[in-house]
Amino acid sequence: MKKSVYRRPDKPMMIDVKRPSEIEVRKPVLSAPVIVDSATECHVTPADVAARMVDYLGPVGDYLTLEPSAGTGALIKALLASGHSPCELVAIERHIKLATSLNFDGVSILNRCFLEYVQEVQGKAEFARIIMNPPFSKVRQHIKAALDLLGRHTHEEPAILVALVPITFKHDEAETLETLGPDTFSAAKVNTKIIRIER
């Protein structure tokens, strides 16, 4: 066999190396901000208020939990931060842009009207924990609908609903846990309170 077979005369002996100034720097891609307009009736729950609301639900457990007015996901973030399993969380948001901006691995996100959802699943679905900041203009309808889905769901402990509502809201079963000031929401000047209902 010829020795020339083992030689590679065309093999490059050097390669060009780009200097740092020649390297293309990629700019980070930022997601578009979610714009909350008056049509959404979305009053973003402040992080500290959301954390306290989650505490009022009681200890973490294997409770199927509903967030019927998910908005920008403030209550979902607080639930996940406190150790609640994403597999046991169901979030509903009717506004399509808000619903598509909710990216939480494992959390069931439904782009639906909550009131229509309740009519469809009543008697078929039950949640041991419900946490909500409902639209203030329809607060009575949303609380009534949420109570239709509230149930122990095989647990011995009582089912619990925690909600942030206008201070004028009244319900025979509601216990007022906190009264919040008019500066709680940046986009609205309204006095609110946190209530809890156990069944």
N, C-alpha and C. Protein backbone atom coordinates (compact mmCIF):
# COMPACT_ATOMS: atom_id res chain seq x y z
N MET A 1 0.84 -1.17 0.00
CA MET A 1 0.00 0.00 0.00
C MET A 1 0.89 1.24 0.00
N LYS A 2 0.43 2.28 -0.66
CA LYS A 2 1.23 3.50 -0.78
C LYS A 2 1.12 4.34 0.49
N LYS A 3 2.23 4.95 0.88
CA LYS A 3 2.25 5.80 2.06
C LYS A 3 1.43 7.06 1.86
N SER A 4 1.24 7.48 0.64
CA SER A 4 0.50 8.72 0.36
C SER A 4 -0.96 8.62 0.79
N VAL A 5 -1.46 7.41 0.94
CA VAL A 5 -2.85 7.21 1.37
C VAL A 5 -3.05 7.77 2.78
N TYR A 6 -2.00 7.74 3.61
CA TYR A 6 -2.10 8.17 5.00
C TYR A 6 -1.82 9.66 5.20
N ARG A 7 -1.51 10.35 4.13
CA ARG A 7 -1.25 11.79 4.24
C ARG A 7 -2.49 12.57 3.83
N ARG A 8 -2.68 13.72 4.48
CA ARG A 8 -3.80 14.59 4.12
C ARG A 8 -3.21 15.95 3.75
N PRO A 9 -2.81 16.12 2.53
CA PRO A 9 -2.15 17.36 2.15
C PRO A 9 -3.07 18.59 2.22
N ASP A 10 -4.40 18.40 2.11
CA ASP A 10 -5.30 19.55 2.11
C ASP A 10 -5.80 19.91 3.51
N LYS A 11 -5.35 19.24 4.55
CA LYS A 11 -5.79 19.52 5.92
C LYS A 11 -5.35 20.91 6.34
N PRO A 12 -6.28 21.77 6.79
CA PRO A 12 -5.87 23.11 7.21
C PRO A 12 -5.04 23.04 8.49
N MET A 13 -4.01 23.83 8.54
CA MET A 13 -3.13 23.85 9.71
C MET A 13 -3.55 24.93 10.70
N MET A 14 -4.37 25.90 10.26
CA MET A 14 -4.84 26.97 11.12
C MET A 14 -6.31 27.25 10.82
N ILE A 15 -7.01 27.77 11.83
CA ILE A 15 -8.40 28.19 11.62
C ILE A 15 -8.55 29.63 12.10
N ASP A 16 -9.48 30.33 11.51
CA ASP A 16 -9.74 31.70 11.92
C ASP A 16 -10.52 31.72 13.23
N VAL A 17 -10.12 32.57 14.15
CA VAL A 17 -10.82 32.74 15.42
C VAL A 17 -11.37 34.16 15.46
N LYS A 18 -12.67 34.27 15.75
CA LYS A 18 -13.26 35.60 15.80
C LYS A 18 -12.86 36.29 17.10
N ARG A 19 -12.52 37.52 16.99
CA ARG A 19 -12.21 38.31 18.17
C ARG A 19 -13.53 38.68 18.87
N PRO A 20 -13.48 38.93 20.18
CA PRO A 20 -14.71 39.26 20.93
C PRO A 20 -15.52 40.40 20.31
N SER A 21 -14.86 41.36 19.70
CA SER A 21 -15.59 42.48 19.10
C SER A 21 -16.36 42.06 17.85
N GLU A 22 -15.97 40.92 17.25
CA GLU A 22 -16.63 40.46 16.04
C GLU A 22 -17.80 39.52 16.32
N ILE A 23 -17.90 39.04 17.58
CA ILE A 23 -18.96 38.09 17.93
C ILE A 23 -20.29 38.84 18.05
N GLU A 24 -21.29 38.27 17.44
CA GLU A 24 -22.61 38.88 17.48
C GLU A 24 -23.24 38.63 18.85
N VAL A 25 -23.59 39.69 19.53
CA VAL A 25 -24.22 39.57 20.85
C VAL A 25 -25.73 39.59 20.66
N ARG A 26 -26.38 38.54 21.14
CA ARG A 26 -27.83 38.47 21.01
C ARG A 26 -28.48 39.19 22.18
N LYS A 27 -29.45 40.01 21.87
CA LYS A 27 -30.18 40.72 22.91
C LYS A 27 -31.26 39.79 23.45
N PRO A 28 -31.53 39.85 24.78
CA PRO A 28 -32.58 38.99 25.32
C PRO A 28 -33.94 39.37 24.76
N VAL A 29 -34.74 38.34 24.52
CA VAL A 29 -36.09 38.57 24.01
C VAL A 29 -37.02 38.74 25.20
N LEU A 30 -37.66 39.87 25.28
CA LEU A 30 -38.58 40.14 26.38
C LEU A 30 -40.00 39.88 25.90
N SER A 31 -40.78 39.24 26.78
CA SER A 31 -42.17 39.00 26.41
C SER A 31 -42.94 40.32 26.50
N ALA A 32 -43.95 40.43 25.70
CA ALA A 32 -44.75 41.66 25.67
C ALA A 32 -45.47 41.82 27.01
N PRO A 33 -45.54 43.04 27.51
CA PRO A 33 -46.24 43.24 28.79
C PRO A 33 -47.73 42.99 28.63
N VAL A 34 -48.35 42.49 29.70
CA VAL A 34 -49.78 42.26 29.69
C VAL A 34 -50.44 43.58 30.07
N ILE A 35 -51.30 44.07 29.19
CA ILE A 35 -51.98 45.33 29.46
C ILE A 35 -53.34 45.01 30.06
N VAL A 36 -53.58 45.54 31.24
CA VAL A 36 -54.84 45.31 31.92
C VAL A 36 -55.71 46.53 31.70
N ASP A 37 -56.79 46.36 30.94
CA ASP A 37 -57.68 47.49 30.70
C ASP A 37 -58.95 47.35 31.53
N SER A 38 -59.79 48.36 31.48
CA SER A 38 -60.99 48.36 32.31
C SER A 38 -61.95 47.22 31.94
N ALA A 39 -61.89 46.73 30.71
CA ALA A 39 -62.79 45.65 30.29
C ALA A 39 -62.51 44.36 31.03
N THR A 40 -61.28 44.15 31.47
CA THR A 40 -60.94 42.91 32.17
C THR A 40 -61.42 42.92 33.62
N GLU A 41 -61.64 44.11 34.18
CA GLU A 41 -61.97 44.26 35.61
C GLU A 41 -60.94 43.53 36.46
N CYS A 42 -59.71 43.54 36.02
CA CYS A 42 -58.64 42.86 36.73
C CYS A 42 -57.91 43.83 37.65
N HIS A 43 -58.10 43.65 38.95
CA HIS A 43 -57.36 44.41 39.94
C HIS A 43 -56.31 43.46 40.50
N VAL A 44 -55.06 43.69 40.15
CA VAL A 44 -53.98 42.76 40.49
C VAL A 44 -53.78 42.72 42.01
N THR A 45 -53.87 41.53 42.57
CA THR A 45 -53.68 41.36 44.00
C THR A 45 -52.21 41.57 44.35
N PRO A 46 -51.89 42.51 45.25
CA PRO A 46 -50.50 42.69 45.64
C PRO A 46 -49.91 41.41 46.24
N ALA A 47 -48.62 41.18 46.03
CA ALA A 47 -47.98 39.93 46.45
C ALA A 47 -48.14 39.66 47.95
N ASP A 48 -48.01 40.69 48.79
CA ASP A 48 -48.12 40.47 50.23
C ASP A 48 -49.55 40.10 50.64
N VAL A 49 -50.54 40.70 49.98
CA VAL A 49 -51.94 40.36 50.25
C VAL A 49 -52.23 38.94 49.77
N ALA A 50 -51.73 38.60 48.59
CA ALA A 50 -51.93 37.24 48.05
C ALA A 50 -51.34 36.19 48.98
N ALA A 51 -50.16 36.46 49.53
CA ALA A 51 -49.51 35.50 50.44
C ALA A 51 -50.35 35.31 51.70
N ARG A 52 -50.92 36.39 52.23
CA ARG A 52 -51.75 36.27 53.43
C ARG A 52 -53.04 35.51 53.12
N MET A 53 -53.61 35.75 51.94
CA MET A 53 -54.82 35.02 51.54
C MET A 53 -54.55 33.52 51.48
N VAL A 54 -53.40 33.15 50.95
CA VAL A 54 -53.03 31.73 50.88
C VAL A 54 -52.88 31.16 52.30
N ASP A 55 -52.28 31.92 53.19
CA ASP A 55 -52.15 31.47 54.59
C ASP A 55 -53.52 31.22 55.22
N TYR A 56 -54.50 32.05 54.89
CA TYR A 56 -55.85 31.89 55.45
C TYR A 56 -56.54 30.62 54.96
N LEU A 57 -56.05 30.04 53.85
CA LEU A 57 -56.63 28.78 53.36
C LEU A 57 -56.33 27.61 54.29
N GLY A 58 -55.28 27.75 55.10
CA GLY A 58 -54.89 26.67 55.99
C GLY A 58 -53.66 25.95 55.46
N PRO A 59 -53.26 24.86 56.14
CA PRO A 59 -52.03 24.17 55.75
C PRO A 59 -52.11 23.54 54.36
N VAL A 60 -50.94 23.38 53.77
CA VAL A 60 -50.84 22.74 52.45
C VAL A 60 -51.22 21.27 52.58
N GLY A 61 -51.98 20.79 51.63
CA GLY A 61 -52.37 19.38 51.62
C GLY A 61 -52.76 18.98 50.21
N ASP A 62 -53.36 17.83 50.09
CA ASP A 62 -53.76 17.36 48.76
C ASP A 62 -55.17 17.85 48.43
N TYR A 63 -55.35 19.17 48.52
CA TYR A 63 -56.66 19.77 48.29
C TYR A 63 -56.75 20.28 46.85
N LEU A 64 -57.81 19.89 46.17
CA LEU A 64 -58.07 20.44 44.85
C LEU A 64 -58.47 21.90 45.05
N THR A 65 -57.72 22.82 44.43
CA THR A 65 -57.87 24.25 44.69
C THR A 65 -58.24 24.98 43.40
N LEU A 66 -59.20 25.89 43.52
CA LEU A 66 -59.69 26.66 42.37
C LEU A 66 -59.38 28.14 42.54
N GLU A 67 -58.92 28.76 41.45
CA GLU A 67 -58.76 30.22 41.36
C GLU A 67 -59.63 30.66 40.19
N PRO A 68 -60.87 31.11 40.45
CA PRO A 68 -61.82 31.36 39.37
C PRO A 68 -61.66 32.66 38.60
N SER A 69 -60.81 33.57 39.08
CA SER A 69 -60.58 34.85 38.38
C SER A 69 -59.08 35.08 38.34
N ALA A 70 -58.38 34.29 37.56
CA ALA A 70 -56.91 34.22 37.65
C ALA A 70 -56.19 35.52 37.30
N GLY A 71 -56.74 36.32 36.40
CA GLY A 71 -56.10 37.60 36.06
C GLY A 71 -54.66 37.44 35.60
N THR A 72 -53.73 38.09 36.30
CA THR A 72 -52.31 38.00 35.95
C THR A 72 -51.59 36.89 36.71
N GLY A 73 -52.31 36.15 37.53
CA GLY A 73 -51.71 35.00 38.21
C GLY A 73 -51.11 35.27 39.57
N ALA A 74 -51.43 36.38 40.21
CA ALA A 74 -50.84 36.72 41.51
C ALA A 74 -51.17 35.68 42.58
N LEU A 75 -52.41 35.22 42.61
CA LEU A 75 -52.80 34.23 43.62
C LEU A 75 -52.19 32.85 43.31
N ILE A 76 -52.05 32.53 42.03
CA ILE A 76 -51.41 31.26 41.64
C ILE A 76 -49.96 31.26 42.09
N LYS A 77 -49.25 32.38 41.85
CA LYS A 77 -47.85 32.49 42.28
C LYS A 77 -47.73 32.30 43.78
N ALA A 78 -48.64 32.91 44.54
CA ALA A 78 -48.61 32.78 46.00
C ALA A 78 -48.88 31.35 46.44
N LEU A 79 -49.81 30.68 45.77
CA LEU A 79 -50.10 29.27 46.09
C LEU A 79 -48.87 28.40 45.84
N LEU A 80 -48.25 28.57 44.68
CA LEU A 80 -47.07 27.78 44.33
C LEU A 80 -45.90 28.08 45.28
N ALA A 81 -45.72 29.36 45.63
CA ALA A 81 -44.63 29.75 46.53
C ALA A 81 -44.80 29.15 47.92
N SER A 82 -46.04 28.90 48.33
CA SER A 82 -46.27 28.34 49.67
C SER A 82 -46.22 26.82 49.68
N GLY A 83 -46.00 26.21 48.51
CA GLY A 83 -45.83 24.75 48.47
C GLY A 83 -47.00 23.97 47.93
N HIS A 84 -48.04 24.64 47.47
CA HIS A 84 -49.17 23.92 46.88
C HIS A 84 -48.74 23.27 45.57
N SER A 85 -49.23 22.07 45.33
CA SER A 85 -48.86 21.34 44.12
C SER A 85 -49.57 21.94 42.91
N PRO A 86 -48.83 22.20 41.82
CA PRO A 86 -49.48 22.74 40.61
C PRO A 86 -50.50 21.76 40.02
N CYS A 87 -50.32 20.48 40.28
CA CYS A 87 -51.23 19.47 39.73
C CYS A 87 -52.62 19.54 40.36
N GLU A 88 -52.74 20.21 41.50
CA GLU A 88 -54.03 20.32 42.18
C GLU A 88 -54.66 21.69 42.03
N LEU A 89 -54.07 22.52 41.16
CA LEU A 89 -54.59 23.88 40.96
C LEU A 89 -55.32 23.99 39.64
N VAL A 90 -56.49 24.61 39.68
CA VAL A 90 -57.26 24.91 38.48
C VAL A 90 -57.50 26.41 38.49
N ALA A 91 -57.11 27.08 37.39
CA ALA A 91 -57.28 28.53 37.27
C ALA A 91 -58.16 28.83 36.07
N ILE A 92 -59.09 29.74 36.25
CA ILE A 92 -60.01 30.13 35.18
C ILE A 92 -59.84 31.62 34.92
N GLU A 93 -59.73 31.98 33.65
CA GLU A 93 -59.66 33.39 33.26
C GLU A 93 -60.35 33.55 31.91
N ARG A 94 -61.35 34.42 31.86
CA ARG A 94 -62.14 34.58 30.62
C ARG A 94 -61.47 35.48 29.59
N HIS A 95 -60.64 36.42 30.03
CA HIS A 95 -59.98 37.35 29.10
C HIS A 95 -58.85 36.61 28.39
N ILE A 96 -58.90 36.53 27.07
CA ILE A 96 -57.97 35.68 26.31
C ILE A 96 -56.51 36.09 26.47
N LYS A 97 -56.22 37.40 26.47
CA LYS A 97 -54.82 37.83 26.60
C LYS A 97 -54.27 37.51 27.98
N LEU A 98 -55.11 37.69 29.00
CA LEU A 98 -54.66 37.36 30.36
C LEU A 98 -54.46 35.84 30.49
N ALA A 99 -55.40 35.07 29.94
CA ALA A 99 -55.31 33.61 30.04
C ALA A 99 -54.07 33.07 29.35
N THR A 100 -53.73 33.61 28.18
CA THR A 100 -52.56 33.11 27.45
C THR A 100 -51.25 33.55 28.11
N SER A 101 -51.30 34.58 28.95
CA SER A 101 -50.08 35.02 29.63
C SER A 101 -49.78 34.19 30.89
N LEU A 102 -50.71 33.35 31.29
CA LEU A 102 -50.53 32.52 32.50
C LEU A 102 -49.74 31.27 32.13
N ASN A 103 -48.47 31.26 32.43
CA ASN A 103 -47.60 30.12 32.11
C ASN A 103 -47.07 29.51 33.40
N PHE A 104 -47.81 28.54 33.92
CA PHE A 104 -47.40 27.84 35.13
C PHE A 104 -47.41 26.34 34.83
N ASP A 105 -46.25 25.71 34.87
CA ASP A 105 -46.16 24.29 34.56
C ASP A 105 -47.03 23.48 35.51
N GLY A 106 -47.87 22.63 34.92
CA GLY A 106 -48.69 21.72 35.71
C GLY A 106 -50.03 22.28 36.15
N VAL A 107 -50.22 23.60 36.10
CA VAL A 107 -51.48 24.20 36.52
C VAL A 107 -52.47 24.16 35.35
N SER A 108 -53.69 23.70 35.62
CA SER A 108 -54.73 23.68 34.59
C SER A 108 -55.28 25.09 34.43
N ILE A 109 -55.07 25.68 33.26
CA ILE A 109 -55.55 27.03 32.96
C ILE A 109 -56.72 26.91 31.97
N LEU A 110 -57.88 27.40 32.35
CA LEU A 110 -59.04 27.35 31.48
C LEU A 110 -59.42 28.75 31.04
N ASN A 111 -59.48 28.98 29.74
CA ASN A 111 -59.91 30.26 29.19
C ASN A 111 -61.42 30.21 29.01
N ARG A 112 -62.12 30.50 30.10
CA ARG A 112 -63.58 30.36 30.14
C ARG A 112 -64.20 31.46 30.98
N CYS A 113 -65.48 31.66 30.83
CA CYS A 113 -66.25 32.49 31.75
C CYS A 113 -66.54 31.61 32.97
N PHE A 114 -66.17 32.08 34.14
CA PHE A 114 -66.35 31.28 35.35
C PHE A 114 -67.82 30.94 35.60
N LEU A 115 -68.71 31.90 35.38
CA LEU A 115 -70.13 31.66 35.65
C LEU A 115 -70.69 30.57 34.73
N GLU A 116 -70.25 30.55 33.46
CA GLU A 116 -70.68 29.49 32.53
C GLU A 116 -70.08 28.15 32.93
N TYR A 117 -68.81 28.18 33.36
CA TYR A 117 -68.13 26.96 33.79
C TYR A 117 -68.88 26.30 34.95
N VAL A 118 -69.33 27.10 35.91
CA VAL A 118 -70.06 26.56 37.07
C VAL A 118 -71.34 25.87 36.63
N GLN A 119 -72.06 26.48 35.69
CA GLN A 119 -73.31 25.86 35.21
C GLN A 119 -73.04 24.50 34.58
N GLU A 120 -71.92 24.37 33.88
CA GLU A 120 -71.59 23.12 33.19
C GLU A 120 -71.12 22.02 34.13
N VAL A 121 -70.36 22.38 35.18
CA VAL A 121 -69.75 21.34 36.02
C VAL A 121 -70.43 21.14 37.37
N GLN A 122 -71.47 21.93 37.64
CA GLN A 122 -72.14 21.81 38.94
C GLN A 122 -72.66 20.39 39.14
N GLY A 123 -72.34 19.82 40.29
CA GLY A 123 -72.70 18.44 40.58
C GLY A 123 -71.68 17.43 40.09
N LYS A 124 -70.72 17.88 39.25
CA LYS A 124 -69.68 16.99 38.73
C LYS A 124 -68.31 17.34 39.27
N ALA A 125 -68.11 18.57 39.70
CA ALA A 125 -66.80 19.02 40.21
C ALA A 125 -66.99 19.63 41.59
N GLU A 126 -65.96 19.43 42.43
CA GLU A 126 -66.00 19.95 43.80
C GLU A 126 -64.59 20.34 44.21
N PHE A 127 -64.45 21.50 44.83
CA PHE A 127 -63.14 22.00 45.24
C PHE A 127 -63.13 22.21 46.75
N ALA A 128 -62.10 21.66 47.39
CA ALA A 128 -61.97 21.79 48.85
C ALA A 128 -61.41 23.15 49.25
N ARG A 129 -60.73 23.83 48.32
CA ARG A 129 -60.16 25.15 48.58
C ARG A 129 -60.46 26.04 47.37
N ILE A 130 -60.95 27.23 47.64
CA ILE A 130 -61.17 28.23 46.59
C ILE A 130 -60.59 29.54 47.08
N ILE A 131 -59.77 30.17 46.25
CA ILE A 131 -59.17 31.46 46.58
C ILE A 131 -59.45 32.39 45.41
N MET A 132 -59.94 33.61 45.71
CA MET A 132 -60.40 34.45 44.60
C MET A 132 -60.36 35.94 44.91
N ASN A 133 -60.16 36.70 43.83
CA ASN A 133 -60.30 38.14 43.82
C ASN A 133 -61.24 38.42 42.66
N PRO A 134 -62.56 38.30 42.89
CA PRO A 134 -63.53 38.37 41.79
C PRO A 134 -63.72 39.79 41.28
N PRO A 135 -64.31 39.93 40.07
CA PRO A 135 -64.64 41.27 39.57
C PRO A 135 -65.60 41.93 40.54
N PHE A 136 -65.30 43.16 40.94
CA PHE A 136 -66.09 43.82 41.97
C PHE A 136 -67.53 44.08 41.53
N SER A 137 -67.76 44.32 40.23
CA SER A 137 -69.12 44.60 39.77
C SER A 137 -70.03 43.37 39.81
N LYS A 138 -69.43 42.17 39.82
CA LYS A 138 -70.24 40.93 39.85
C LYS A 138 -69.84 40.06 41.03
N VAL A 139 -69.43 40.70 42.12
CA VAL A 139 -68.90 39.94 43.25
C VAL A 139 -69.92 38.96 43.83
N ARG A 140 -71.18 39.37 43.94
CA ARG A 140 -72.20 38.48 44.53
C ARG A 140 -72.41 37.23 43.67
N GLN A 141 -72.48 37.44 42.34
CA GLN A 141 -72.65 36.31 41.43
C GLN A 141 -71.47 35.34 41.52
N HIS A 142 -70.26 35.89 41.56
CA HIS A 142 -69.06 35.05 41.57
C HIS A 142 -68.91 34.30 42.90
N ILE A 143 -69.21 34.95 44.02
CA ILE A 143 -69.13 34.24 45.31
C ILE A 143 -70.18 33.14 45.37
N LYS A 144 -71.41 33.45 44.91
CA LYS A 144 -72.47 32.43 44.91
C LYS A 144 -72.07 31.24 44.04
N ALA A 145 -71.53 31.51 42.86
CA ALA A 145 -71.10 30.44 41.96
C ALA A 145 -69.97 29.62 42.58
N ALA A 146 -69.01 30.30 43.22
CA ALA A 146 -67.89 29.59 43.85
C ALA A 146 -68.40 28.69 44.98
N LEU A 147 -69.37 29.18 45.75
CA LEU A 147 -69.92 28.37 46.84
C LEU A 147 -70.65 27.14 46.32
N ASP A 148 -71.18 27.22 45.09
CA ASP A 148 -71.82 26.04 44.48
C ASP A 148 -70.80 24.93 44.20
N LEU A 149 -69.51 25.30 44.05
CA LEU A 149 -68.46 24.31 43.78
C LEU A 149 -67.66 23.94 45.03
N LEU A 150 -67.90 24.65 46.13
CA LEU A 150 -67.12 24.40 47.35
C LEU A 150 -67.65 23.15 48.05
N GLY A 151 -66.75 22.19 48.31
CA GLY A 151 -67.13 20.96 49.00
C GLY A 151 -65.91 20.26 49.55
N ARG A 152 -66.11 19.38 50.49
CA ARG A 152 -64.98 18.73 51.18
C ARG A 152 -64.18 17.80 50.28
N HIS A 153 -64.79 17.26 49.24
CA HIS A 153 -64.08 16.43 48.26
C HIS A 153 -63.27 15.33 48.96
N THR A 154 -63.95 14.52 49.74
CA THR A 154 -63.40 13.36 50.48
C THR A 154 -62.52 13.72 51.67
N HIS A 155 -62.38 14.99 52.01
CA HIS A 155 -61.56 15.39 53.16
C HIS A 155 -62.43 15.52 54.40
N GLU A 156 -61.83 15.28 55.56
CA GLU A 156 -62.54 15.46 56.83
C GLU A 156 -62.58 16.93 57.23
N GLU A 157 -61.54 17.69 56.86
CA GLU A 157 -61.46 19.10 57.21
C GLU A 157 -62.52 19.88 56.42
N PRO A 158 -62.97 21.01 56.97
CA PRO A 158 -63.96 21.80 56.24
C PRO A 158 -63.40 22.37 54.94
N ALA A 159 -64.28 22.56 53.98
CA ALA A 159 -63.91 23.22 52.73
C ALA A 159 -63.83 24.72 53.02
N ILE A 160 -62.85 25.40 52.38
CA ILE A 160 -62.60 26.81 52.69
C ILE A 160 -62.56 27.65 51.43
N LEU A 161 -63.25 28.78 51.49
CA LEU A 161 -63.18 29.79 50.44
C LEU A 161 -62.60 31.06 51.07
N VAL A 162 -61.57 31.62 50.43
CA VAL A 162 -60.99 32.90 50.85
C VAL A 162 -61.11 33.84 49.67
N ALA A 163 -61.66 35.04 49.93
CA ALA A 163 -61.89 35.99 48.84
C ALA A 163 -61.56 37.41 49.26
N LEU A 164 -61.13 38.18 48.28
CA LEU A 164 -60.89 39.61 48.46
C LEU A 164 -62.08 40.31 47.81
N VAL A 165 -62.86 41.02 48.62
CA VAL A 165 -64.12 41.60 48.15
C VAL A 165 -64.24 43.06 48.59
N PRO A 166 -65.15 43.83 47.96
CA PRO A 166 -65.38 45.20 48.44
C PRO A 166 -65.89 45.17 49.88
N ILE A 167 -65.59 46.21 50.62
CA ILE A 167 -65.94 46.26 52.04
C ILE A 167 -67.45 46.21 52.27
N THR A 168 -68.21 46.59 51.26
CA THR A 168 -69.68 46.60 51.38
C THR A 168 -70.30 45.21 51.22
N PHE A 169 -69.50 44.22 50.77
CA PHE A 169 -70.03 42.87 50.54
C PHE A 169 -70.41 42.21 51.86
N LYS A 170 -71.59 41.59 51.88
CA LYS A 170 -72.04 40.89 53.09
C LYS A 170 -72.54 39.50 52.71
N HIS A 171 -72.24 38.54 53.58
CA HIS A 171 -72.72 37.16 53.40
C HIS A 171 -72.85 36.56 54.79
N ASP A 172 -73.95 35.83 55.03
CA ASP A 172 -74.21 35.29 56.37
C ASP A 172 -73.10 34.38 56.88
N GLU A 173 -72.44 33.65 55.98
CA GLU A 173 -71.41 32.69 56.41
C GLU A 173 -70.01 33.30 56.44
N ALA A 174 -69.86 34.53 55.97
CA ALA A 174 -68.53 35.12 55.80
C ALA A 174 -67.97 35.66 57.11
N GLU A 175 -66.71 35.33 57.34
CA GLU A 175 -65.93 35.86 58.46
C GLU A 175 -64.92 36.85 57.88
N THR A 176 -64.93 38.09 58.39
CA THR A 176 -63.97 39.10 57.91
C THR A 176 -62.64 38.88 58.62
N LEU A 177 -61.58 38.65 57.83
CA LEU A 177 -60.26 38.39 58.38
C LEU A 177 -59.40 39.65 58.43
N GLU A 178 -59.54 40.51 57.42
CA GLU A 178 -58.76 41.75 57.33
C GLU A 178 -59.56 42.79 56.59
N THR A 179 -59.37 44.04 56.98
CA THR A 179 -59.90 45.16 56.21
C THR A 179 -58.70 45.87 55.58
N LEU A 180 -58.76 46.05 54.27
CA LEU A 180 -57.66 46.66 53.53
C LEU A 180 -57.98 48.11 53.19
N GLY A 181 -56.96 48.92 53.06
CA GLY A 181 -57.14 50.34 52.77
C GLY A 181 -57.41 50.63 51.32
N PRO A 182 -57.74 51.90 51.01
CA PRO A 182 -58.05 52.28 49.62
C PRO A 182 -56.82 52.30 48.71
N ASP A 183 -55.63 52.18 49.28
CA ASP A 183 -54.41 52.19 48.47
C ASP A 183 -53.90 50.79 48.13
N THR A 184 -54.72 49.77 48.36
CA THR A 184 -54.31 48.38 48.09
C THR A 184 -54.06 48.15 46.60
N PHE A 185 -54.91 48.73 45.75
CA PHE A 185 -54.77 48.56 44.30
C PHE A 185 -54.29 49.85 43.67
N SER A 186 -53.32 49.73 42.77
CA SER A 186 -52.77 50.93 42.13
C SER A 186 -53.74 51.58 41.16
N ALA A 187 -54.62 50.78 40.54
CA ALA A 187 -55.51 51.31 39.50
C ALA A 187 -56.91 51.63 40.00
N ALA A 188 -57.20 51.37 41.26
CA ALA A 188 -58.55 51.62 41.77
C ALA A 188 -58.47 52.05 43.23
N LYS A 189 -59.28 53.01 43.57
CA LYS A 189 -59.38 53.46 44.96
C LYS A 189 -60.66 52.88 45.54
N VAL A 190 -60.53 51.74 46.17
CA VAL A 190 -61.70 51.06 46.73
C VAL A 190 -61.29 50.38 48.03
N ASN A 191 -62.17 50.46 49.01
CA ASN A 191 -61.93 49.77 50.28
C ASN A 191 -62.35 48.32 50.13
N THR A 192 -61.47 47.42 50.51
CA THR A 192 -61.73 46.00 50.36
C THR A 192 -61.46 45.27 51.67
N LYS A 193 -61.86 44.01 51.69
CA LYS A 193 -61.59 43.16 52.86
C LYS A 193 -61.35 41.74 52.39
N ILE A 194 -60.72 40.95 53.24
CA ILE A 194 -60.51 39.53 52.97
C ILE A 194 -61.50 38.76 53.83
N ILE A 195 -62.27 37.90 53.21
CA ILE A 195 -63.25 37.10 53.95
C ILE A 195 -62.92 35.61 53.81
N ARG A 196 -63.47 34.83 54.75
CA ARG A 196 -63.33 33.37 54.66
C ARG A 196 -64.68 32.74 54.96
N ILE A 197 -65.01 31.73 54.18
CA ILE A 197 -66.24 30.95 54.38
C ILE A 197 -65.83 29.49 54.50
N GLU A 198 -66.27 28.84 55.56
CA GLU A 198 -66.00 27.41 55.77
C GLU A 198 -67.29 26.64 55.73
N ARG A 199 -67.24 25.46 55.12
CA ARG A 199 -68.43 24.60 55.07
C ARG A 199 -68.07 23.16 55.37
